[in-house]
PDB file of N, CA and C in Angstrom:
ATOM      1  N   MET A   1      91.552 125.245 106.973  1.00  0.00           N
ATOM      2  CA  MET A   1      91.167 123.690 106.876  1.00  0.00           C
ATOM      3  C   MET A   1      91.994 123.260 108.254  1.00  0.00           C
ATOM      4  N   THR A   2      91.402 122.463 109.173  1.00  0.00           N
ATOM      5  CA  THR A   2      91.926 121.891 110.302  1.00  0.00           C
ATOM      6  C   THR A   2      92.610 120.745 110.073  1.00  0.00           C
ATOM      7  N   GLY A   3      93.589 120.138 110.706  1.00  0.00           N
ATOM      8  CA  GLY A   3      94.298 118.930 110.494  1.00  0.00           C
ATOM      9  C   GLY A   3      93.240 117.605 110.211  1.00  0.00           C
ATOM     10  N   ASN A   4      92.359 117.914 111.153  1.00  0.00           N
ATOM     11  CA  ASN A   4      91.314 116.634 111.100  1.00  0.00           C
ATOM     12  C   ASN A   4      90.580 116.566 109.785  1.00  0.00           C
ATOM     13  N   ASN A   5      90.267 117.911 109.267  1.00  0.00           N
ATOM     14  CA  ASN A   5      89.487 117.940 107.932  1.00  0.00           C
ATOM     15  C   ASN A   5      90.619 117.374 106.788  1.00  0.00           C
ATOM     16  N   PHE A   6      91.611 117.876 107.043  1.00  0.00           N
ATOM     17  CA  PHE A   6      92.825 117.553 106.033  1.00  0.00           C
ATOM     18  C   PHE A   6      92.978 115.996 105.724  1.00  0.00           C
ATOM     19  N   SER A   7      93.064 115.435 107.198  1.00  0.00           N
ATOM     20  CA  SER A   7      93.218 113.940 107.017  1.00  0.00           C
ATOM     21  C   SER A   7      91.956 113.040 106.470  1.00  0.00           C
ATOM     22  N   ALA A   8      90.876 113.685 106.790  1.00  0.00           N
ATOM     23  CA  ALA A   8      89.594 113.007 106.192  1.00  0.00           C
ATOM     24  C   ALA A   8      89.536 113.294 104.696  1.00  0.00           C
ATOM     25  N   LEU A   9      89.992 114.353 104.247  1.00  0.00           N
ATOM     26  CA  LEU A   9      90.084 114.535 102.750  1.00  0.00           C
ATOM     27  C   LEU A   9      90.909 113.786 102.123  1.00  0.00           C
ATOM     28  N   MET A  10      92.173 113.466 102.708  1.00  0.00           N
ATOM     29  CA  MET A  10      93.172 112.657 102.341  1.00  0.00           C
ATOM     30  C   MET A  10      92.823 111.334 102.126  1.00  0.00           C
ATOM     31  N   ASN A  11      92.139 110.799 103.206  1.00  0.00           N
ATOM     32  CA  ASN A  11      91.680 109.486 103.422  1.00  0.00           C
ATOM     33  C   ASN A  11      90.556 109.181 102.275  1.00  0.00           C
ATOM     34  N   SER A  12      89.743 110.219 102.270  1.00  0.00           N
ATOM     35  CA  SER A  12      88.686 110.099 101.042  1.00  0.00           C
ATOM     36  C   SER A  12      89.181 109.969  99.721  1.00  0.00           C
ATOM     37  N   LEU A  13      90.229 110.626  99.406  1.00  0.00           N
ATOM     38  CA  LEU A  13      91.033 110.594  98.085  1.00  0.00           C
ATOM     39  C   LEU A  13      91.573 109.229  98.116  1.00  0.00           C
ATOM     40  N   ARG A  14      92.372 108.670  99.038  1.00  0.00           N
ATOM     41  CA  ARG A  14      92.992 107.483  98.898  1.00  0.00           C
ATOM     42  C   ARG A  14      92.178 106.362  98.886  1.00  0.00           C
ATOM     43  N   LEU A  15      90.924 106.405  99.469  1.00  0.00           N
ATOM     44  CA  LEU A  15      89.772 105.367  99.277  1.00  0.00           C
ATOM     45  C   LEU A  15      89.403 105.360  98.008  1.00  0.00           C
ATOM     46  N   ALA A  16      89.245 106.542  97.307  1.00  0.00           N
ATOM     47  CA  ALA A  16      88.648 106.414  96.036  1.00  0.00           C
ATOM     48  C   ALA A  16      89.775 105.770  94.997  1.00  0.00           C
ATOM     49  N   ASP A  17      90.997 106.094  95.268  1.00  0.00           N
ATOM     50  CA  ASP A  17      91.909 105.299  94.570  1.00  0.00           C
ATOM     51  C   ASP A  17      91.910 103.814  94.818  1.00  0.00           C
ATOM     52  N   ALA A  18      91.814 103.408  96.117  1.00  0.00           N
ATOM     53  CA  ALA A  18      91.885 102.203  96.344  1.00  0.00           C
ATOM     54  C   ALA A  18      90.740 101.432  95.999  1.00  0.00           C
ATOM     55  N   VAL A  19      89.679 101.973  95.870  1.00  0.00           N
ATOM     56  CA  VAL A  19      88.374 101.343  95.426  1.00  0.00           C
ATOM     57  C   VAL A  19      88.443 101.095  93.835  1.00  0.00           C
ATOM     58  N   LYS A  20      88.994 102.127  93.130  1.00  0.00           N
ATOM     59  CA  LYS A  20      89.124 101.832  91.759  1.00  0.00           C
ATOM     60  C   LYS A  20      90.228 100.699  91.614  1.00  0.00           C
ATOM     61  N   MET A  21      91.170 100.601  92.212  1.00  0.00           N
ATOM     62  CA  MET A  21      92.125  99.375  92.218  1.00  0.00           C
ATOM     63  C   MET A  21      91.645  98.085  92.597  1.00  0.00           C
ATOM     64  N   LEU A  22      90.687  98.098  93.549  1.00  0.00           N
ATOM     65  CA  LEU A  22      90.013  96.835  94.089  1.00  0.00           C
ATOM     66  C   LEU A  22      89.222  96.214  92.902  1.00  0.00           C
ATOM     67  N   ARG A  23      88.613  97.219  92.132  1.00  0.00           N
ATOM     68  CA  ARG A  23      87.481  96.912  91.058  1.00  0.00           C
ATOM     69  C   ARG A  23      88.192  96.631  89.834  1.00  0.00           C
ATOM     70  N   SER A  24      89.501  96.944  89.555  1.00  0.00           N
ATOM     71  CA  SER A  24      90.040  96.850  88.439  1.00  0.00           C
ATOM     72  C   SER A  24      90.750  95.501  88.091  1.00  0.00           C
ATOM     73  N   GLU A  25      90.339  94.905  86.978  1.00  0.00           N
ATOM     74  CA  GLU A  25      90.871  93.834  86.354  1.00  0.00           C
ATOM     75  C   GLU A  25      92.568  93.808  86.433  1.00  0.00           C
ATOM     76  N   LYS A  26      92.928  95.016  86.061  1.00  0.00           N
ATOM     77  CA  LYS A  26      94.535  95.220  86.020  1.00  0.00           C
ATOM     78  C   LYS A  26      95.128  95.175  87.241  1.00  0.00           C
ATOM     79  N   HIS A  27      94.503  95.075  88.348  1.00  0.00           N
ATOM     80  CA  HIS A  27      95.024  95.292  89.655  1.00  0.00           C
ATOM     81  C   HIS A  27      94.468  94.007  90.454  1.00  0.00           C
ATOM     82  N   ASN A  28      93.811  93.074  89.900  1.00  0.00           N
ATOM     83  CA  ASN A  28      93.112  91.779  90.610  1.00  0.00           C
ATOM     84  C   ASN A  28      94.354  90.997  91.027  1.00  0.00           C
ATOM     85  N   HIS A  29      95.515  91.019  90.577  1.00  0.00           N
ATOM     86  CA  HIS A  29      96.605  90.127  91.205  1.00  0.00           C
ATOM     87  C   HIS A  29      97.261  90.677  92.463  1.00  0.00           C
ATOM     88  N   PHE A  30      97.036  92.235  92.613  1.00  0.00           N
ATOM     89  CA  PHE A  30      97.718  92.693  93.933  1.00  0.00           C
ATOM     90  C   PHE A  30      96.850  92.351  95.002  1.00  0.00           C
ATOM     91  N   THR A  31      97.668  92.389  96.261  1.00  0.00           N
ATOM     92  CA  THR A  31      97.079  92.075  97.317  1.00  0.00           C
ATOM     93  C   THR A  31      96.437  93.265  97.956  1.00  0.00           C
ATOM     94  N   VAL A  32      95.515  93.076  98.893  1.00  0.00           N
ATOM     95  CA  VAL A  32      94.833  94.321  99.709  1.00  0.00           C
ATOM     96  C   VAL A  32      95.953  95.238 100.199  1.00  0.00           C
ATOM     97  N   GLU A  33      97.005  94.603 100.706  1.00  0.00           N
ATOM     98  CA  GLU A  33      98.006  95.356 101.332  1.00  0.00           C
ATOM     99  C   GLU A  33      98.763  96.173 100.145  1.00  0.00           C
ATOM    100  N   GLU A  34      99.189  95.598  99.161  1.00  0.00           N
ATOM    101  CA  GLU A  34      99.736  96.311  98.096  1.00  0.00           C
ATOM    102  C   GLU A  34      98.920  97.457  97.540  1.00  0.00           C
ATOM    103  N   ILE A  35      97.425  97.143  97.468  1.00  0.00           N
ATOM    104  CA  ILE A  35      96.573  98.256  97.115  1.00  0.00           C
ATOM    105  C   ILE A  35      96.653  99.286  97.938  1.00  0.00           C
ATOM    106  N   ALA A  36      96.422  98.952  99.373  1.00  0.00           N
ATOM    107  CA  ALA A  36      96.602 100.001 100.452  1.00  0.00           C
ATOM    108  C   ALA A  36      97.822 101.025 100.416  1.00  0.00           C
ATOM    109  N   LEU A  37      98.989 100.310 100.144  1.00  0.00           N
ATOM    110  CA  LEU A  37     100.065 101.065 100.075  1.00  0.00           C
ATOM    111  C   LEU A  37     100.231 101.864  98.991  1.00  0.00           C
ATOM    112  N   GLN A  38      99.885 101.359  97.764  1.00  0.00           N
ATOM    113  CA  GLN A  38     100.020 102.177  96.512  1.00  0.00           C
ATOM    114  C   GLN A  38      98.951 103.219  96.545  1.00  0.00           C
ATOM    115  N   ALA A  39      97.593 103.137  97.303  1.00  0.00           N
ATOM    116  CA  ALA A  39      96.713 104.132  97.500  1.00  0.00           C
ATOM    117  C   ALA A  39      97.407 105.512  98.433  1.00  0.00           C
ATOM    118  N   GLY A  40      98.356 105.069  99.196  1.00  0.00           N
ATOM    119  CA  GLY A  40      99.079 106.001  99.930  1.00  0.00           C
ATOM    120  C   GLY A  40      98.739 105.945 101.432  1.00  0.00           C
ATOM    121  N   PHE A  41      98.094 104.731 101.985  1.00  0.00           N
ATOM    122  CA  PHE A  41      97.968 104.243 103.362  1.00  0.00           C
ATOM    123  C   PHE A  41      99.196 104.025 103.812  1.00  0.00           C
ATOM    124  N   ALA A  42      99.423 104.301 105.285  1.00  0.00           N
ATOM    125  CA  ALA A  42     100.609 103.897 105.919  1.00  0.00           C
ATOM    126  C   ALA A  42     100.847 102.482 106.020  1.00  0.00           C
ATOM    127  N   SER A  43      99.629 101.844 106.384  1.00  0.00           N
ATOM    128  CA  SER A  43      99.653 100.329 106.522  1.00  0.00           C
ATOM    129  C   SER A  43      98.327  99.698 106.184  1.00  0.00           C
ATOM    130  N   ARG A  44      98.497  98.435 106.194  1.00  0.00           N
ATOM    131  CA  ARG A  44      97.163  97.493 105.829  1.00  0.00           C
ATOM    132  C   ARG A  44      96.031  97.954 107.057  1.00  0.00           C
ATOM    133  N   GLN A  45      96.627  97.931 108.180  1.00  0.00           N
ATOM    134  CA  GLN A  45      95.632  98.134 109.343  1.00  0.00           C
ATOM    135  C   GLN A  45      94.878  99.433 109.298  1.00  0.00           C
ATOM    136  N   VAL A  46      95.662 100.531 108.951  1.00  0.00           N
ATOM    137  CA  VAL A  46      94.982 101.805 108.801  1.00  0.00           C
ATOM    138  C   VAL A  46      93.961 101.652 107.560  1.00  0.00           C
ATOM    139  N   PHE A  47      94.428 101.259 106.531  1.00  0.00           N
ATOM    140  CA  PHE A  47      93.690 101.266 105.309  1.00  0.00           C
ATOM    141  C   PHE A  47      92.368 100.426 105.791  1.00  0.00           C
ATOM    142  N   TYR A  48      92.288  99.410 106.447  1.00  0.00           N
ATOM    143  CA  TYR A  48      91.104  98.431 106.946  1.00  0.00           C
ATOM    144  C   TYR A  48      90.374  99.029 107.749  1.00  0.00           C
ATOM    145  N   LYS A  49      90.789  99.971 108.753  1.00  0.00           N
ATOM    146  CA  LYS A  49      90.068 100.861 109.501  1.00  0.00           C
ATOM    147  C   LYS A  49      89.334 101.867 108.823  1.00  0.00           C
ATOM    148  N   VAL A  50      89.919 102.644 108.010  1.00  0.00           N
ATOM    149  CA  VAL A  50      89.248 103.648 107.213  1.00  0.00           C
ATOM    150  C   VAL A  50      88.177 103.052 106.347  1.00  0.00           C
ATOM    151  N   PHE A  51      88.465 101.942 105.685  1.00  0.00           N
ATOM    152  CA  PHE A  51      87.667 101.486 104.819  1.00  0.00           C
ATOM    153  C   PHE A  51      86.458 100.892 105.168  1.00  0.00           C
ATOM    154  N   GLN A  52      86.593 100.186 106.405  1.00  0.00           N
ATOM    155  CA  GLN A  52      85.406  99.748 107.191  1.00  0.00           C
ATOM    156  C   GLN A  52      84.675 100.879 107.740  1.00  0.00           C
ATOM    157  N   GLN A  53      85.166 102.028 108.235  1.00  0.00           N
ATOM    158  CA  GLN A  53      84.331 103.073 108.500  1.00  0.00           C
ATOM    159  C   GLN A  53      83.314 103.598 107.421  1.00  0.00           C
ATOM    160  N   MET A  54      83.910 103.668 106.211  1.00  0.00           N
ATOM    161  CA  MET A  54      83.182 104.143 105.088  1.00  0.00           C
ATOM    162  C   MET A  54      82.318 103.074 104.394  1.00  0.00           C
ATOM    163  N   TYR A  55      82.681 101.820 104.170  1.00  0.00           N
ATOM    164  CA  TYR A  55      81.984 100.843 103.305  1.00  0.00           C
ATOM    165  C   TYR A  55      81.361  99.820 104.293  1.00  0.00           C
ATOM    166  N   HIS A  56      81.590  99.809 105.511  1.00  0.00           N
ATOM    167  CA  HIS A  56      80.858  98.692 106.373  1.00  0.00           C
ATOM    168  C   HIS A  56      81.171  97.450 106.077  1.00  0.00           C
ATOM    169  N   CYS A  57      82.323  97.141 105.419  1.00  0.00           N
ATOM    170  CA  CYS A  57      82.958  95.830 105.191  1.00  0.00           C
ATOM    171  C   CYS A  57      84.382  95.918 104.914  1.00  0.00           C
ATOM    172  N   THR A  58      85.121  94.836 104.915  1.00  0.00           N
ATOM    173  CA  THR A  58      86.406  94.851 104.773  1.00  0.00           C
ATOM    174  C   THR A  58      86.691  95.042 103.244  1.00  0.00           C
ATOM    175  N   PRO A  59      88.130  95.478 102.818  1.00  0.00           N
ATOM    176  CA  PRO A  59      88.584  95.643 101.402  1.00  0.00           C
ATOM    177  C   PRO A  59      88.085  94.120 100.670  1.00  0.00           C
ATOM    178  N   ARG A  60      88.673  93.240 101.406  1.00  0.00           N
ATOM    179  CA  ARG A  60      88.748  91.957 100.829  1.00  0.00           C
ATOM    180  C   ARG A  60      87.215  91.499 100.434  1.00  0.00           C
ATOM    181  N   GLN A  61      86.284  91.774 101.489  1.00  0.00           N
ATOM    182  CA  GLN A  61      84.820  91.493 101.141  1.00  0.00           C
ATOM    183  C   GLN A  61      84.240  92.349 100.007  1.00  0.00           C
ATOM    184  N   TYR A  62      84.546  93.550 100.141  1.00  0.00           N
ATOM    185  CA  TYR A  62      84.154  94.432  98.912  1.00  0.00           C
ATOM    186  C   TYR A  62      84.730  93.952  97.299  1.00  0.00           C
ATOM    187  N   ARG A  63      85.881  93.418  97.640  1.00  0.00           N
ATOM    188  CA  ARG A  63      86.374  92.845  96.202  1.00  0.00           C
ATOM    189  C   ARG A  63      85.778  91.649  96.022  1.00  0.00           C
ATOM    190  N   ARG A  64      85.408  90.799  96.857  1.00  0.00           N
ATOM    191  CA  ARG A  64      84.654  89.473  96.528  1.00  0.00           C
ATOM    192  C   ARG A  64      83.367  89.854  96.118  1.00  0.00           C
ATOM    193  N   PHE A  65      82.559  90.866  96.710  1.00  0.00           N
ATOM    194  CA  PHE A  65      81.383  91.176  96.211  1.00  0.00           C
ATOM    195  C   PHE A  65      81.249  91.712  94.901  1.00  0.00           C
ATOM    196  N   ASP A  66      82.176  92.559  94.754  1.00  0.00           N
ATOM    197  CA  ASP A  66      82.330  93.374  93.418  1.00  0.00           C
ATOM    198  C   ASP A  66      82.655  92.412  92.255  1.00  0.00           C
ATOM    199  N   THR A  67      83.454  91.448  92.417  1.00  0.00           N
ATOM    200  CA  THR A  67      83.804  90.533  91.298  1.00  0.00           C
ATOM    201  C   THR A  67      82.917  89.205  91.280  1.00  0.00           C
ATOM    202  N   GLY A  68      81.765  89.268  91.932  1.00  0.00           N
ATOM    203  CA  GLY A  68      80.794  88.352  91.780  1.00  0.00           C
ATOM    204  C   GLY A  68      81.224  87.025  92.409  1.00  0.00           C
ATOM    205  N   GLU A  69      82.383  86.950  93.174  1.00  0.00           N
ATOM    206  CA  GLU A  69      82.862  85.765  93.807  1.00  0.00           C
ATOM    207  C   GLU A  69      81.809  85.289  95.041  1.00  0.00           C
ATOM    208  N   LEU A  70      81.380  86.314  95.642  1.00  0.00           N
ATOM    209  CA  LEU A  70      80.330  86.109  96.773  1.00  0.00           C
ATOM    210  C   LEU A  70      79.071  85.619  96.240  1.00  0.00           C
ATOM    211  N   THR A  71      78.782  86.245  95.186  1.00  0.00           N
ATOM    212  CA  THR A  71      77.486  85.854  94.489  1.00  0.00           C
ATOM    213  C   THR A  71      77.429  84.327  94.131  1.00  0.00           C
ATOM    214  N   GLN A  72      78.834  83.877  93.580  1.00  0.00           N
ATOM    215  CA  GLN A  72      78.811  82.573  93.196  1.00  0.00           C
ATOM    216  C   GLN A  72      78.972  81.552  94.263  1.00  0.00           C
ATOM    217  N   LEU A  73      79.617  82.007  95.223  1.00  0.00           N
ATOM    218  CA  LEU A  73      79.577  81.165  96.548  1.00  0.00           C
ATOM    219  C   LEU A  73      78.208  81.076  97.160  1.00  0.00           C
ATOM    220  N   LEU A  74      77.468  82.067  97.359  1.00  0.00           N
ATOM    221  CA  LEU A  74      76.030  81.967  97.719  1.00  0.00           C
ATOM    222  C   LEU A  74      75.225  81.024  96.799  1.00  0.00           C
ATOM    223  N   HIS A  75      75.485  81.268  95.607  1.00  0.00           N
ATOM    224  CA  HIS A  75      74.564  80.483  94.608  1.00  0.00           C
ATOM    225  C   HIS A  75      75.064  78.988  94.833  1.00  0.00           C
ATOM    226  N   ASP A  76      76.142  78.620  95.066  1.00  0.00           N
ATOM    227  CA  ASP A  76      76.883  77.305  95.478  1.00  0.00           C
ATOM    228  C   ASP A  76      76.230  76.662  96.585  1.00  0.00           C
ATOM    229  N   LEU A  77      76.194  77.575  97.652  1.00  0.00           N
ATOM    230  CA  LEU A  77      75.650  77.188  98.895  1.00  0.00           C
ATOM    231  C   LEU A  77      74.217  76.724  98.821  1.00  0.00           C
ATOM    232  N   ASN A  78      73.475  77.552  98.068  1.00  0.00           N
ATOM    233  CA  ASN A  78      71.985  77.353  97.886  1.00  0.00           C
ATOM    234  C   ASN A  78      71.742  76.090  97.103  1.00  0.00           C
ATOM    235  N   LYS A  79      72.594  75.590  96.122  1.00  0.00           N
ATOM    236  CA  LYS A  79      72.675  74.514  95.366  1.00  0.00           C
ATOM    237  C   LYS A  79      72.786  73.219  96.445  1.00  0.00           C
ATOM    238  N   THR A  80      73.364  73.334  97.441  1.00  0.00           N
ATOM    239  CA  THR A  80      73.569  71.948  98.273  1.00  0.00           C
ATOM    240  C   THR A  80      72.648  71.903  99.173  1.00  0.00           C
ATOM    241  N   GLU A  81      71.827  72.939  99.423  1.00  0.00           N
ATOM    242  CA  GLU A  81      70.640  72.670 100.363  1.00  0.00           C
ATOM    243  C   GLU A  81      69.503  71.836  99.852  1.00  0.00           C
TER     244      GLU A  81
END
């Protein structure tokens, strides 16, 4: 296994942990940076870069969409039109 493949594997495992935490009510009081560090990323910046490459959105956007906050926001915007 080359270093590049190992890094990709580790990032994949870290992302899986981070996504579980982003979706978990138990971790909803954690900041995105705290989740990134707990998942094993060196920094929030590295986490955002890897996350966006995989999910095509930021971790914060993912969290909002997953919790329904984005859905509620869109609903509220449509009501005002």
